[in-house]
Amino acid sequence: MKILGTILARAVWVLDMQQLNPNGRSLLDLYQGIAKHYRFSKFPQHLLDFNAEKALEFNSGTFIKSPNEDRRVGLTIYNNAIVADGLHSTDDSEAFLHDVAKFAAKEHNLVFDLNSIVRTSYSSQLDVQFDSEPPLVNPKLKFLPSRLKSLASSYDGNPMNFGFGGLPVWYSGGVNDGGILSFKLEHKWNIPFEKNIYFSSAPTTTKDHLTILNEIDTALK
């Protein structure tokens, strides 16, 4: 199995915003400072500059993790959560959140009490290639793709190739703030089946997501 790339590495801090800003300070200077410090290409122009989800969104910024490492990041601020998105790992995304908290305290005198974090959640999305097609379904159902091919035709009359799409594992509960609710392992869209390239998402850290994928790979072999 080979990891081809990280599509999303998200870390979410669900917060008690009242506790974070008990005096009701205007945070416009802070948000403008964040936009400048992390060099966001797009950011809120005022306190009511919300996106479609009624949140303040900062796009395409740079987090200097170390002198030799920088990460492309995004930041979204809700009324009850702060979400950091990256393209490397959830560890880096959470390190970015800690860096933002330090910046807010040092440069804008907004002390970020980590006790105001109600809970932390993660979302991980990866592209992965298996050495061979993983047998994700009951062998007794292997007739189904060829059966569909014999019965269905595309709008242009050409034969349609079918294959089993993947393996979903659903969460039965309610909303997971800013996160992914299920585990998915499914064929990458518009890629030939024989390439064995899959998209996978999980409500876990990137590290735990990789562990699960390796366990699946080992089990199926």
N, C-alpha and C. Protein backbone atom coordinates (compact mmCIF):
# COMPACT_ATOMS: atom_id res chain seq x y z
N MET A 1 0.84 -1.20 0.00
CA MET A 1 0.00 0.00 0.00
C MET A 1 0.88 1.24 0.00
N LYS A 2 0.45 2.24 -0.76
CA LYS A 2 1.22 3.48 -0.89
C LYS A 2 0.30 4.68 -0.70
N ILE A 3 0.71 5.62 0.16
CA ILE A 3 -0.04 6.85 0.34
C ILE A 3 0.35 7.81 -0.77
N LEU A 4 -0.63 8.25 -1.55
CA LEU A 4 -0.36 9.13 -2.68
C LEU A 4 -0.45 10.61 -2.32
N GLY A 5 -1.20 10.93 -1.29
CA GLY A 5 -1.31 12.34 -0.92
C GLY A 5 -2.34 12.57 0.17
N THR A 6 -2.20 13.69 0.85
CA THR A 6 -3.15 14.11 1.87
C THR A 6 -4.11 15.13 1.26
N ILE A 7 -5.39 14.82 1.30
CA ILE A 7 -6.42 15.71 0.76
C ILE A 7 -6.86 16.72 1.81
N LEU A 8 -6.96 16.25 3.06
CA LEU A 8 -7.37 17.12 4.16
C LEU A 8 -6.84 16.58 5.47
N ALA A 9 -6.29 17.47 6.28
CA ALA A 9 -5.90 17.14 7.65
C ALA A 9 -6.48 18.23 8.54
N ARG A 10 -7.57 17.91 9.23
CA ARG A 10 -8.34 18.92 9.97
C ARG A 10 -8.28 18.66 11.47
N ALA A 11 -8.05 19.73 12.21
CA ALA A 11 -8.13 19.68 13.67
C ALA A 11 -9.16 20.70 14.12
N VAL A 12 -10.03 20.28 15.02
CA VAL A 12 -11.14 21.13 15.47
C VAL A 12 -11.08 21.28 16.99
N TRP A 13 -11.10 22.53 17.45
CA TRP A 13 -11.25 22.84 18.86
C TRP A 13 -12.66 23.36 19.07
N VAL A 14 -13.47 22.59 19.77
CA VAL A 14 -14.80 23.06 20.17
C VAL A 14 -14.62 23.85 21.46
N LEU A 15 -15.10 25.10 21.46
CA LEU A 15 -14.75 26.05 22.52
C LEU A 15 -15.97 26.63 23.21
N ASP A 16 -15.75 27.07 24.43
CA ASP A 16 -16.69 27.95 25.11
C ASP A 16 -16.23 29.38 24.84
N MET A 17 -16.79 29.99 23.80
CA MET A 17 -16.34 31.31 23.37
C MET A 17 -16.58 32.38 24.44
N GLN A 18 -17.61 32.21 25.23
CA GLN A 18 -17.88 33.16 26.30
C GLN A 18 -16.73 33.17 27.30
N GLN A 19 -16.18 31.99 27.57
CA GLN A 19 -15.06 31.88 28.48
C GLN A 19 -13.79 32.42 27.84
N LEU A 20 -13.67 32.25 26.53
CA LEU A 20 -12.48 32.71 25.82
C LEU A 20 -12.43 34.24 25.76
N ASN A 21 -13.59 34.88 25.60
CA ASN A 21 -13.64 36.33 25.49
C ASN A 21 -14.71 36.87 26.44
N PRO A 22 -14.48 36.78 27.75
CA PRO A 22 -15.53 37.13 28.73
C PRO A 22 -15.90 38.60 28.74
N ASN A 23 -15.01 39.47 28.28
CA ASN A 23 -15.29 40.91 28.31
C ASN A 23 -15.89 41.44 27.02
N GLY A 24 -16.16 40.54 26.09
CA GLY A 24 -16.80 40.96 24.84
C GLY A 24 -15.97 41.91 24.01
N ARG A 25 -14.66 41.68 23.96
CA ARG A 25 -13.79 42.55 23.17
C ARG A 25 -14.08 42.43 21.69
N SER A 26 -13.92 43.51 20.97
CA SER A 26 -13.95 43.45 19.52
C SER A 26 -12.66 42.76 19.06
N LEU A 27 -12.80 41.74 18.24
CA LEU A 27 -11.64 40.94 17.84
C LEU A 27 -11.17 41.27 16.42
N LEU A 28 -11.63 42.39 15.87
CA LEU A 28 -11.26 42.73 14.50
C LEU A 28 -9.75 42.88 14.35
N ASP A 29 -9.10 43.57 15.30
CA ASP A 29 -7.65 43.74 15.20
C ASP A 29 -6.94 42.40 15.26
N LEU A 30 -7.44 41.49 16.09
CA LEU A 30 -6.86 40.16 16.17
C LEU A 30 -6.98 39.44 14.84
N TYR A 31 -8.16 39.45 14.25
CA TYR A 31 -8.36 38.75 12.99
C TYR A 31 -7.49 39.34 11.88
N GLN A 32 -7.38 40.65 11.85
CA GLN A 32 -6.51 41.28 10.86
C GLN A 32 -5.05 40.93 11.11
N GLY A 33 -4.68 40.83 12.39
CA GLY A 33 -3.32 40.43 12.74
C GLY A 33 -3.02 39.00 12.32
N ILE A 34 -3.99 38.11 12.52
CA ILE A 34 -3.84 36.71 12.08
C ILE A 34 -3.66 36.65 10.57
N ALA A 35 -4.49 37.41 9.85
CA ALA A 35 -4.42 37.41 8.39
C ALA A 35 -3.03 37.84 7.90
N LYS A 36 -2.47 38.86 8.55
CA LYS A 36 -1.16 39.36 8.14
C LYS A 36 -0.04 38.43 8.57
N HIS A 37 -0.10 37.95 9.82
CA HIS A 37 0.98 37.14 10.38
C HIS A 37 1.15 35.83 9.61
N TYR A 38 0.04 35.20 9.23
CA TYR A 38 0.10 33.91 8.54
C TYR A 38 -0.09 34.07 7.02
N ARG A 39 -0.08 35.29 6.56
CA ARG A 39 -0.11 35.60 5.13
C ARG A 39 -1.27 34.92 4.40
N PHE A 40 -2.47 35.03 4.96
CA PHE A 40 -3.65 34.46 4.31
C PHE A 40 -3.98 35.24 3.04
N SER A 41 -4.28 34.50 1.98
CA SER A 41 -4.62 35.13 0.70
C SER A 41 -6.01 35.74 0.73
N LYS A 42 -6.89 35.12 1.49
CA LYS A 42 -8.26 35.62 1.61
C LYS A 42 -8.67 35.54 3.07
N PHE A 43 -9.32 36.58 3.56
CA PHE A 43 -9.67 36.62 4.99
C PHE A 43 -10.83 37.59 5.18
N PRO A 44 -11.52 37.53 6.33
CA PRO A 44 -12.67 38.40 6.57
C PRO A 44 -12.27 39.88 6.58
N GLN A 45 -13.08 40.70 5.95
CA GLN A 45 -12.81 42.13 5.89
C GLN A 45 -13.46 42.89 7.05
N HIS A 46 -14.41 42.25 7.70
CA HIS A 46 -15.03 42.86 8.88
C HIS A 46 -15.64 41.74 9.72
N LEU A 47 -16.20 42.07 10.87
CA LEU A 47 -16.67 41.06 11.82
C LEU A 47 -17.93 40.33 11.36
N LEU A 48 -18.59 40.84 10.35
CA LEU A 48 -19.78 40.17 9.82
C LEU A 48 -19.54 39.61 8.42
N ASP A 49 -18.27 39.47 8.06
CA ASP A 49 -17.91 38.94 6.74
C ASP A 49 -17.91 37.41 6.79
N PHE A 50 -19.11 36.83 6.93
CA PHE A 50 -19.24 35.39 7.12
C PHE A 50 -19.26 34.64 5.79
N ASN A 51 -18.89 33.35 5.87
CA ASN A 51 -19.06 32.47 4.72
C ASN A 51 -20.46 31.86 4.77
N ALA A 52 -20.73 30.88 3.91
CA ALA A 52 -22.07 30.29 3.83
C ALA A 52 -22.46 29.56 5.11
N GLU A 53 -21.47 29.19 5.92
CA GLU A 53 -21.75 28.48 7.17
C GLU A 53 -21.79 29.42 8.37
N LYS A 54 -21.90 30.72 8.12
CA LYS A 54 -21.95 31.73 9.18
C LYS A 54 -20.68 31.72 10.02
N ALA A 55 -19.54 31.52 9.37
CA ALA A 55 -18.25 31.49 10.04
C ALA A 55 -17.29 32.46 9.36
N LEU A 56 -16.24 32.84 10.09
CA LEU A 56 -15.18 33.68 9.53
C LEU A 56 -14.09 32.77 8.97
N GLU A 57 -13.81 32.93 7.69
CA GLU A 57 -12.94 31.99 6.98
C GLU A 57 -11.66 32.66 6.48
N PHE A 58 -10.53 32.03 6.78
CA PHE A 58 -9.21 32.49 6.33
C PHE A 58 -8.67 31.40 5.39
N ASN A 59 -8.33 31.78 4.16
CA ASN A 59 -7.91 30.79 3.17
C ASN A 59 -6.46 30.97 2.74
N SER A 60 -5.81 29.82 2.51
CA SER A 60 -4.48 29.76 1.89
C SER A 60 -3.45 30.62 2.62
N GLY A 61 -3.16 30.23 3.87
CA GLY A 61 -2.13 30.89 4.65
C GLY A 61 -0.89 30.03 4.78
N THR A 62 0.11 30.55 5.48
CA THR A 62 1.37 29.83 5.67
C THR A 62 1.71 29.78 7.15
N PHE A 63 1.89 28.58 7.65
CA PHE A 63 2.31 28.35 9.04
C PHE A 63 3.76 27.90 9.02
N ILE A 64 4.64 28.70 9.63
CA ILE A 64 6.05 28.34 9.70
C ILE A 64 6.24 27.42 10.90
N LYS A 65 6.25 26.12 10.63
CA LYS A 65 6.37 25.14 11.71
C LYS A 65 7.76 25.16 12.32
N SER A 66 8.76 25.31 11.50
CA SER A 66 10.15 25.42 11.93
C SER A 66 10.90 26.19 10.85
N PRO A 67 12.15 26.58 11.10
CA PRO A 67 12.88 27.35 10.09
C PRO A 67 12.95 26.68 8.72
N ASN A 68 12.88 25.36 8.69
CA ASN A 68 12.99 24.64 7.43
C ASN A 68 11.68 24.00 6.98
N GLU A 69 10.59 24.28 7.70
CA GLU A 69 9.31 23.68 7.36
C GLU A 69 8.19 24.71 7.40
N ASP A 70 7.46 24.81 6.30
CA ASP A 70 6.26 25.63 6.29
C ASP A 70 5.10 24.80 5.78
N ARG A 71 3.91 25.15 6.22
CA ARG A 71 2.72 24.40 5.86
C ARG A 71 1.64 25.35 5.35
N ARG A 72 0.96 24.94 4.30
CA ARG A 72 -0.20 25.68 3.82
C ARG A 72 -1.38 25.35 4.74
N VAL A 73 -2.07 26.38 5.20
CA VAL A 73 -3.13 26.17 6.18
C VAL A 73 -4.36 27.02 5.86
N GLY A 74 -5.48 26.59 6.43
CA GLY A 74 -6.70 27.38 6.42
C GLY A 74 -7.25 27.43 7.83
N LEU A 75 -8.02 28.46 8.11
CA LEU A 75 -8.58 28.65 9.46
C LEU A 75 -10.02 29.11 9.33
N THR A 76 -10.91 28.48 10.11
CA THR A 76 -12.31 28.89 10.12
C THR A 76 -12.75 29.06 11.57
N ILE A 77 -13.36 30.20 11.86
CA ILE A 77 -13.77 30.52 13.22
C ILE A 77 -15.29 30.55 13.28
N TYR A 78 -15.87 29.62 14.04
CA TYR A 78 -17.31 29.54 14.26
C TYR A 78 -17.63 30.18 15.62
N ASN A 79 -18.91 30.22 15.94
CA ASN A 79 -19.27 30.79 17.24
C ASN A 79 -19.05 29.81 18.38
N ASN A 80 -18.68 28.56 18.04
CA ASN A 80 -18.40 27.58 19.09
C ASN A 80 -17.21 26.68 18.77
N ALA A 81 -16.43 27.05 17.77
CA ALA A 81 -15.30 26.19 17.39
C ALA A 81 -14.31 26.95 16.51
N ILE A 82 -13.07 26.47 16.55
CA ILE A 82 -12.03 26.94 15.64
C ILE A 82 -11.50 25.73 14.88
N VAL A 83 -11.45 25.83 13.56
CA VAL A 83 -11.08 24.71 12.70
C VAL A 83 -9.83 25.07 11.91
N ALA A 84 -8.82 24.20 11.98
CA ALA A 84 -7.60 24.38 11.20
C ALA A 84 -7.50 23.27 10.16
N ASP A 85 -7.27 23.65 8.92
CA ASP A 85 -7.12 22.69 7.83
C ASP A 85 -5.70 22.75 7.27
N GLY A 86 -5.16 21.58 6.99
CA GLY A 86 -3.85 21.50 6.39
C GLY A 86 -3.80 20.40 5.34
N LEU A 87 -2.63 20.25 4.72
CA LEU A 87 -2.45 19.26 3.66
C LEU A 87 -1.31 18.31 3.99
N HIS A 88 -0.98 18.20 5.29
CA HIS A 88 0.09 17.29 5.68
C HIS A 88 -0.37 16.30 6.74
N SER A 89 -0.67 16.79 7.93
CA SER A 89 -1.13 15.91 9.00
C SER A 89 -1.96 16.69 10.00
N THR A 90 -2.82 15.97 10.73
CA THR A 90 -3.61 16.63 11.76
C THR A 90 -2.73 17.12 12.90
N ASP A 91 -1.58 16.49 13.12
CA ASP A 91 -0.63 16.98 14.13
C ASP A 91 -0.18 18.40 13.78
N ASP A 92 0.13 18.62 12.51
CA ASP A 92 0.56 19.95 12.08
C ASP A 92 -0.59 20.96 12.18
N SER A 93 -1.80 20.51 11.84
CA SER A 93 -2.95 21.41 11.92
C SER A 93 -3.21 21.83 13.37
N GLU A 94 -3.06 20.89 14.29
CA GLU A 94 -3.27 21.24 15.70
C GLU A 94 -2.12 22.10 16.22
N ALA A 95 -0.91 21.86 15.74
CA ALA A 95 0.22 22.72 16.10
C ALA A 95 -0.04 24.14 15.63
N PHE A 96 -0.67 24.29 14.48
CA PHE A 96 -1.05 25.62 13.98
C PHE A 96 -2.04 26.29 14.92
N LEU A 97 -3.03 25.56 15.42
CA LEU A 97 -3.99 26.13 16.37
C LEU A 97 -3.29 26.62 17.63
N HIS A 98 -2.34 25.84 18.13
CA HIS A 98 -1.58 26.27 19.31
C HIS A 98 -0.78 27.53 19.00
N ASP A 99 -0.24 27.62 17.79
CA ASP A 99 0.53 28.79 17.40
C ASP A 99 -0.36 30.03 17.32
N VAL A 100 -1.58 29.86 16.81
CA VAL A 100 -2.53 30.97 16.75
C VAL A 100 -2.86 31.44 18.17
N ALA A 101 -3.05 30.48 19.09
CA ALA A 101 -3.35 30.83 20.48
C ALA A 101 -2.21 31.64 21.10
N LYS A 102 -0.97 31.23 20.84
CA LYS A 102 0.19 31.97 21.36
C LYS A 102 0.27 33.37 20.75
N PHE A 103 0.00 33.46 19.46
CA PHE A 103 0.02 34.76 18.78
C PHE A 103 -1.03 35.69 19.37
N ALA A 104 -2.24 35.16 19.62
CA ALA A 104 -3.32 35.98 20.17
C ALA A 104 -2.95 36.51 21.55
N ALA A 105 -2.28 35.68 22.35
CA ALA A 105 -1.89 36.10 23.70
C ALA A 105 -0.74 37.12 23.67
N LYS A 106 0.24 36.86 22.83
CA LYS A 106 1.44 37.69 22.81
C LYS A 106 1.21 39.04 22.13
N GLU A 107 0.52 39.03 21.00
CA GLU A 107 0.40 40.23 20.18
C GLU A 107 -0.90 41.00 20.43
N HIS A 108 -1.91 40.35 20.99
CA HIS A 108 -3.20 41.03 21.15
C HIS A 108 -3.78 40.87 22.54
N ASN A 109 -2.97 40.38 23.45
CA ASN A 109 -3.36 40.32 24.86
C ASN A 109 -4.68 39.57 25.07
N LEU A 110 -4.91 38.56 24.25
CA LEU A 110 -6.09 37.71 24.42
C LEU A 110 -5.60 36.36 24.93
N VAL A 111 -5.67 36.18 26.23
CA VAL A 111 -5.15 34.96 26.84
C VAL A 111 -6.04 33.79 26.47
N PHE A 112 -5.44 32.82 25.84
CA PHE A 112 -6.19 31.65 25.36
C PHE A 112 -6.04 30.54 26.39
N ASP A 113 -7.05 30.37 27.22
CA ASP A 113 -7.04 29.33 28.24
C ASP A 113 -7.43 28.01 27.59
N LEU A 114 -6.51 27.05 27.58
CA LEU A 114 -6.80 25.76 26.96
C LEU A 114 -7.94 25.03 27.65
N ASN A 115 -8.27 25.43 28.88
CA ASN A 115 -9.41 24.81 29.58
C ASN A 115 -10.74 25.20 28.94
N SER A 116 -10.72 26.22 28.07
CA SER A 116 -11.95 26.60 27.38
C SER A 116 -12.27 25.66 26.23
N ILE A 117 -11.35 24.74 25.91
CA ILE A 117 -11.60 23.75 24.87
C ILE A 117 -12.50 22.65 25.43
N VAL A 118 -13.70 22.56 24.90
CA VAL A 118 -14.66 21.56 25.37
C VAL A 118 -14.25 20.17 24.89
N ARG A 119 -13.85 20.08 23.64
CA ARG A 119 -13.34 18.81 23.10
C ARG A 119 -12.58 19.09 21.81
N THR A 120 -11.80 18.12 21.40
CA THR A 120 -11.03 18.19 20.16
C THR A 120 -11.46 17.05 19.25
N SER A 121 -11.61 17.34 17.97
CA SER A 121 -11.91 16.28 17.00
C SER A 121 -11.05 16.46 15.77
N TYR A 122 -11.02 15.42 14.94
CA TYR A 122 -10.14 15.41 13.79
C TYR A 122 -10.84 14.83 12.57
N SER A 123 -10.36 15.21 11.40
CA SER A 123 -10.81 14.63 10.14
C SER A 123 -9.59 14.43 9.25
N SER A 124 -9.52 13.27 8.64
CA SER A 124 -8.38 12.95 7.78
C SER A 124 -8.89 12.40 6.46
N GLN A 125 -8.32 12.89 5.36
CA GLN A 125 -8.66 12.40 4.02
C GLN A 125 -7.37 12.13 3.26
N LEU A 126 -7.27 10.93 2.71
CA LEU A 126 -6.04 10.50 2.04
C LEU A 126 -6.37 9.82 0.72
N ASP A 127 -5.46 9.93 -0.24
CA ASP A 127 -5.47 9.09 -1.44
C ASP A 127 -4.45 7.97 -1.24
N VAL A 128 -4.87 6.74 -1.53
CA VAL A 128 -4.02 5.59 -1.27
C VAL A 128 -4.10 4.62 -2.44
N GLN A 129 -2.99 3.95 -2.72
CA GLN A 129 -2.96 2.95 -3.78
C GLN A 129 -2.58 1.60 -3.19
N PHE A 130 -3.39 0.59 -3.47
CA PHE A 130 -3.10 -0.76 -3.01
C PHE A 130 -2.34 -1.53 -4.08
N ASP A 131 -1.61 -2.54 -3.64
CA ASP A 131 -0.82 -3.34 -4.58
C ASP A 131 -1.72 -4.13 -5.52
N SER A 132 -2.87 -4.54 -5.03
CA SER A 132 -3.85 -5.24 -5.84
C SER A 132 -5.23 -4.84 -5.36
N GLU A 133 -6.25 -5.19 -6.10
CA GLU A 133 -7.60 -4.80 -5.72
C GLU A 133 -7.99 -5.45 -4.40
N PRO A 134 -8.31 -4.66 -3.39
CA PRO A 134 -8.71 -5.25 -2.11
C PRO A 134 -10.09 -5.88 -2.20
N PRO A 135 -10.24 -7.12 -1.73
CA PRO A 135 -11.55 -7.79 -1.78
C PRO A 135 -12.46 -7.25 -0.68
N LEU A 136 -13.22 -6.22 -0.99
CA LEU A 136 -14.00 -5.52 0.02
C LEU A 136 -15.42 -6.07 0.20
N VAL A 137 -15.82 -7.03 -0.63
CA VAL A 137 -17.19 -7.53 -0.53
C VAL A 137 -17.20 -9.06 -0.44
N ASN A 138 -18.34 -9.58 -0.08
CA ASN A 138 -18.55 -11.02 -0.05
C ASN A 138 -18.28 -11.62 -1.43
N PRO A 139 -17.43 -12.65 -1.53
CA PRO A 139 -17.11 -13.24 -2.83
C PRO A 139 -18.34 -13.70 -3.61
N LYS A 140 -19.41 -14.01 -2.90
CA LYS A 140 -20.62 -14.48 -3.58
C LYS A 140 -21.29 -13.37 -4.40
N LEU A 141 -20.87 -12.12 -4.17
CA LEU A 141 -21.45 -11.00 -4.90
C LEU A 141 -20.57 -10.52 -6.05
N LYS A 142 -19.51 -11.23 -6.35
CA LYS A 142 -18.60 -10.79 -7.40
C LYS A 142 -19.22 -10.80 -8.80
N PHE A 143 -20.34 -11.48 -8.93
CA PHE A 143 -21.03 -11.51 -10.23
C PHE A 143 -21.66 -10.16 -10.56
N LEU A 144 -21.88 -9.31 -9.56
CA LEU A 144 -22.71 -8.12 -9.74
C LEU A 144 -22.16 -7.12 -10.76
N PRO A 145 -20.85 -6.73 -10.74
CA PRO A 145 -20.37 -5.77 -11.74
C PRO A 145 -20.58 -6.23 -13.18
N SER A 146 -20.26 -7.49 -13.47
CA SER A 146 -20.43 -7.98 -14.85
C SER A 146 -21.91 -8.08 -15.21
N ARG A 147 -22.74 -8.40 -14.21
CA ARG A 147 -24.18 -8.47 -14.47
C ARG A 147 -24.73 -7.09 -14.83
N LEU A 148 -24.31 -6.07 -14.10
CA LEU A 148 -24.73 -4.71 -14.42
C LEU A 148 -24.23 -4.27 -15.78
N LYS A 149 -23.00 -4.64 -16.10
CA LYS A 149 -22.43 -4.28 -17.40
C LYS A 149 -23.27 -4.86 -18.54
N SER A 150 -23.80 -6.05 -18.33
CA SER A 150 -24.59 -6.69 -19.38
C SER A 150 -25.97 -6.05 -19.54
N LEU A 151 -26.43 -5.35 -18.49
CA LEU A 151 -27.78 -4.80 -18.52
C LEU A 151 -27.83 -3.30 -18.78
N ALA A 152 -26.77 -2.57 -18.43
CA ALA A 152 -26.79 -1.11 -18.51
C ALA A 152 -25.99 -0.62 -19.72
N SER A 153 -26.36 0.54 -20.20
CA SER A 153 -25.60 1.17 -21.29
C SER A 153 -25.53 2.66 -21.04
N SER A 154 -24.46 3.28 -21.49
CA SER A 154 -24.27 4.71 -21.29
C SER A 154 -25.09 5.48 -22.31
N TYR A 155 -25.13 6.80 -22.14
CA TYR A 155 -25.92 7.65 -23.05
C TYR A 155 -25.39 7.58 -24.48
N ASP A 156 -24.08 7.24 -24.65
CA ASP A 156 -23.53 7.18 -26.01
C ASP A 156 -23.49 5.76 -26.56
N GLY A 157 -24.07 4.83 -25.79
CA GLY A 157 -24.17 3.46 -26.29
C GLY A 157 -22.95 2.60 -26.04
N ASN A 158 -21.88 3.16 -25.48
CA ASN A 158 -20.69 2.37 -25.21
C ASN A 158 -20.85 1.53 -23.95
N PRO A 159 -20.11 0.42 -23.85
CA PRO A 159 -20.20 -0.43 -22.66
C PRO A 159 -19.78 0.34 -21.41
N MET A 160 -20.41 -0.01 -20.29
CA MET A 160 -20.09 0.62 -19.01
C MET A 160 -19.40 -0.40 -18.11
N ASN A 161 -18.25 0.00 -17.59
CA ASN A 161 -17.54 -0.87 -16.66
C ASN A 161 -17.99 -0.58 -15.23
N PHE A 162 -18.25 -1.62 -14.48
CA PHE A 162 -18.68 -1.48 -13.10
C PHE A 162 -17.70 -2.18 -12.16
N GLY A 163 -17.64 -1.70 -10.95
CA GLY A 163 -16.83 -2.33 -9.91
C GLY A 163 -17.37 -1.93 -8.56
N PHE A 164 -17.01 -2.66 -7.55
CA PHE A 164 -17.47 -2.31 -6.21
C PHE A 164 -16.80 -1.02 -5.76
N GLY A 165 -17.63 -0.07 -5.31
CA GLY A 165 -17.14 1.28 -5.03
C GLY A 165 -16.24 1.38 -3.82
N GLY A 166 -16.50 0.62 -2.77
CA GLY A 166 -15.65 0.74 -1.61
C GLY A 166 -16.29 0.22 -0.34
N LEU A 167 -15.77 0.71 0.76
CA LEU A 167 -16.17 0.23 2.08
C LEU A 167 -16.54 1.41 2.96
N PRO A 168 -17.84 1.62 3.24
CA PRO A 168 -18.23 2.69 4.17
C PRO A 168 -18.52 2.13 5.56
N VAL A 169 -18.13 2.87 6.58
CA VAL A 169 -18.48 2.53 7.96
C VAL A 169 -19.08 3.79 8.57
N TRP A 170 -20.38 3.78 8.83
CA TRP A 170 -21.09 4.99 9.20
C TRP A 170 -21.19 5.18 10.70
N TYR A 171 -21.23 6.45 11.09
CA TYR A 171 -21.50 6.84 12.47
C TYR A 171 -22.99 7.08 12.61
N SER A 172 -23.62 6.52 13.65
CA SER A 172 -25.07 6.57 13.76
C SER A 172 -25.59 7.78 14.52
N GLY A 173 -24.69 8.59 15.08
CA GLY A 173 -25.11 9.70 15.93
C GLY A 173 -25.41 10.97 15.17
N GLY A 174 -25.32 12.08 15.88
CA GLY A 174 -25.67 13.38 15.31
C GLY A 174 -24.52 14.06 14.61
N VAL A 175 -24.32 15.34 14.93
CA VAL A 175 -23.33 16.16 14.22
C VAL A 175 -22.00 16.13 14.93
N ASN A 176 -20.93 15.99 14.16
CA ASN A 176 -19.57 16.05 14.68
C ASN A 176 -18.99 17.37 14.20
N ASP A 177 -18.82 18.34 15.09
CA ASP A 177 -18.49 19.72 14.72
C ASP A 177 -17.33 19.80 13.72
N GLY A 178 -17.63 20.22 12.51
CA GLY A 178 -16.59 20.45 11.52
C GLY A 178 -15.90 19.20 11.03
N GLY A 179 -16.39 18.02 11.42
CA GLY A 179 -15.67 16.80 11.12
C GLY A 179 -16.37 15.87 10.15
N ILE A 180 -15.72 14.76 9.89
CA ILE A 180 -16.25 13.72 9.01
C ILE A 180 -16.93 12.67 9.90
N LEU A 181 -18.13 12.26 9.53
CA LEU A 181 -18.91 11.39 10.39
C LEU A 181 -18.67 9.90 10.16
N SER A 182 -17.99 9.54 9.11
CA SER A 182 -17.86 8.13 8.77
C SER A 182 -16.45 7.81 8.30
N PHE A 183 -16.18 6.51 8.25
CA PHE A 183 -14.96 6.03 7.60
C PHE A 183 -15.34 5.57 6.20
N LYS A 184 -14.55 5.99 5.23
CA LYS A 184 -14.82 5.58 3.85
C LYS A 184 -13.53 5.11 3.19
N LEU A 185 -13.66 4.08 2.41
CA LEU A 185 -12.58 3.64 1.53
C LEU A 185 -13.25 3.33 0.20
N GLU A 186 -13.06 4.20 -0.79
CA GLU A 186 -13.78 4.05 -2.04
C GLU A 186 -12.89 4.37 -3.22
N HIS A 187 -13.20 3.71 -4.33
CA HIS A 187 -12.42 3.95 -5.55
C HIS A 187 -12.39 5.43 -5.87
N LYS A 188 -11.20 5.90 -6.23
CA LYS A 188 -11.04 7.30 -6.62
C LYS A 188 -11.85 7.56 -7.89
N TRP A 189 -12.63 8.63 -7.82
CA TRP A 189 -13.53 8.96 -8.94
C TRP A 189 -12.75 9.19 -10.22
N ASN A 190 -13.26 8.62 -11.31
CA ASN A 190 -12.74 8.84 -12.66
C ASN A 190 -11.35 8.24 -12.88
N ILE A 191 -10.98 7.27 -12.03
CA ILE A 191 -9.71 6.55 -12.18
C ILE A 191 -10.04 5.10 -12.53
N PRO A 192 -9.36 4.50 -13.53
CA PRO A 192 -9.66 3.10 -13.90
C PRO A 192 -9.53 2.16 -12.68
N PHE A 193 -10.44 1.20 -12.59
CA PHE A 193 -10.45 0.29 -11.46
C PHE A 193 -9.12 -0.45 -11.29
N GLU A 194 -8.49 -0.78 -12.40
CA GLU A 194 -7.27 -1.60 -12.33
C GLU A 194 -6.10 -0.87 -11.69
N LYS A 195 -6.18 0.43 -11.53
CA LYS A 195 -5.10 1.16 -10.88
C LYS A 195 -5.12 1.03 -9.35
N ASN A 196 -6.25 0.56 -8.80
CA ASN A 196 -6.37 0.32 -7.36
C ASN A 196 -6.08 1.56 -6.52
N ILE A 197 -6.56 2.71 -7.01
CA ILE A 197 -6.38 3.96 -6.27
C ILE A 197 -7.69 4.31 -5.56
N TYR A 198 -7.57 4.57 -4.26
CA TYR A 198 -8.74 4.79 -3.43
C TYR A 198 -8.64 6.13 -2.70
N PHE A 199 -9.82 6.67 -2.42
CA PHE A 199 -9.94 7.82 -1.51
C PHE A 199 -10.45 7.29 -0.18
N SER A 200 -9.83 7.77 0.89
CA SER A 200 -10.26 7.33 2.22
C SER A 200 -10.42 8.53 3.14
N SER A 201 -11.46 8.50 3.94
CA SER A 201 -11.67 9.53 4.95
C SER A 201 -11.98 8.86 6.28
N ALA A 202 -11.58 9.54 7.36
CA ALA A 202 -11.78 8.97 8.70
C ALA A 202 -11.91 10.10 9.72
N PRO A 203 -12.71 9.89 10.76
CA PRO A 203 -12.85 10.89 11.83
C PRO A 203 -11.76 10.74 12.88
N THR A 204 -10.51 10.68 12.43
CA THR A 204 -9.37 10.42 13.32
C THR A 204 -8.21 11.33 12.94
N THR A 205 -7.15 11.23 13.72
CA THR A 205 -5.90 11.88 13.34
C THR A 205 -5.34 11.21 12.10
N THR A 206 -4.44 11.89 11.42
CA THR A 206 -3.79 11.30 10.25
C THR A 206 -3.03 10.03 10.63
N LYS A 207 -2.36 10.06 11.77
CA LYS A 207 -1.59 8.90 12.23
C LYS A 207 -2.49 7.69 12.44
N ASP A 208 -3.63 7.89 13.11
CA ASP A 208 -4.54 6.77 13.36
C ASP A 208 -5.20 6.31 12.06
N HIS A 209 -5.46 7.24 11.16
CA HIS A 209 -6.02 6.89 9.85
C HIS A 209 -5.07 5.96 9.10
N LEU A 210 -3.80 6.29 9.10
CA LEU A 210 -2.80 5.44 8.44
C LEU A 210 -2.73 4.07 9.08
N THR A 211 -2.85 4.02 10.39
CA THR A 211 -2.83 2.74 11.10
C THR A 211 -4.00 1.87 10.66
N ILE A 212 -5.20 2.46 10.56
CA ILE A 212 -6.38 1.73 10.13
C ILE A 212 -6.20 1.19 8.71
N LEU A 213 -5.69 2.03 7.81
CA LEU A 213 -5.49 1.60 6.43
C LEU A 213 -4.49 0.45 6.34
N ASN A 214 -3.43 0.52 7.11
CA ASN A 214 -2.45 -0.58 7.13
C ASN A 214 -3.06 -1.85 7.69
N GLU A 215 -3.93 -1.71 8.70
CA GLU A 215 -4.61 -2.89 9.26
C GLU A 215 -5.54 -3.51 8.23
N ILE A 216 -6.24 -2.67 7.45
CA ILE A 216 -7.12 -3.18 6.38
C ILE A 216 -6.29 -3.91 5.33
N ASP A 217 -5.19 -3.28 4.94
CA ASP A 217 -4.32 -3.88 3.91
C ASP A 217 -3.81 -5.25 4.37
N THR A 218 -3.38 -5.31 5.64
CA THR A 218 -2.87 -6.60 6.17
C THR A 218 -3.97 -7.64 6.26
N ALA A 219 -5.15 -7.23 6.73
CA ALA A 219 -6.26 -8.17 6.89
C ALA A 219 -6.71 -8.74 5.55
N LEU A 220 -6.76 -7.90 4.51
CA LEU A 220 -7.25 -8.34 3.22
C LEU A 220 -6.24 -9.23 2.48
N LYS A 221 -4.97 -9.09 2.85
CA LYS A 221 -3.97 -9.97 2.23
C LYS A 221 -4.03 -11.37 2.78
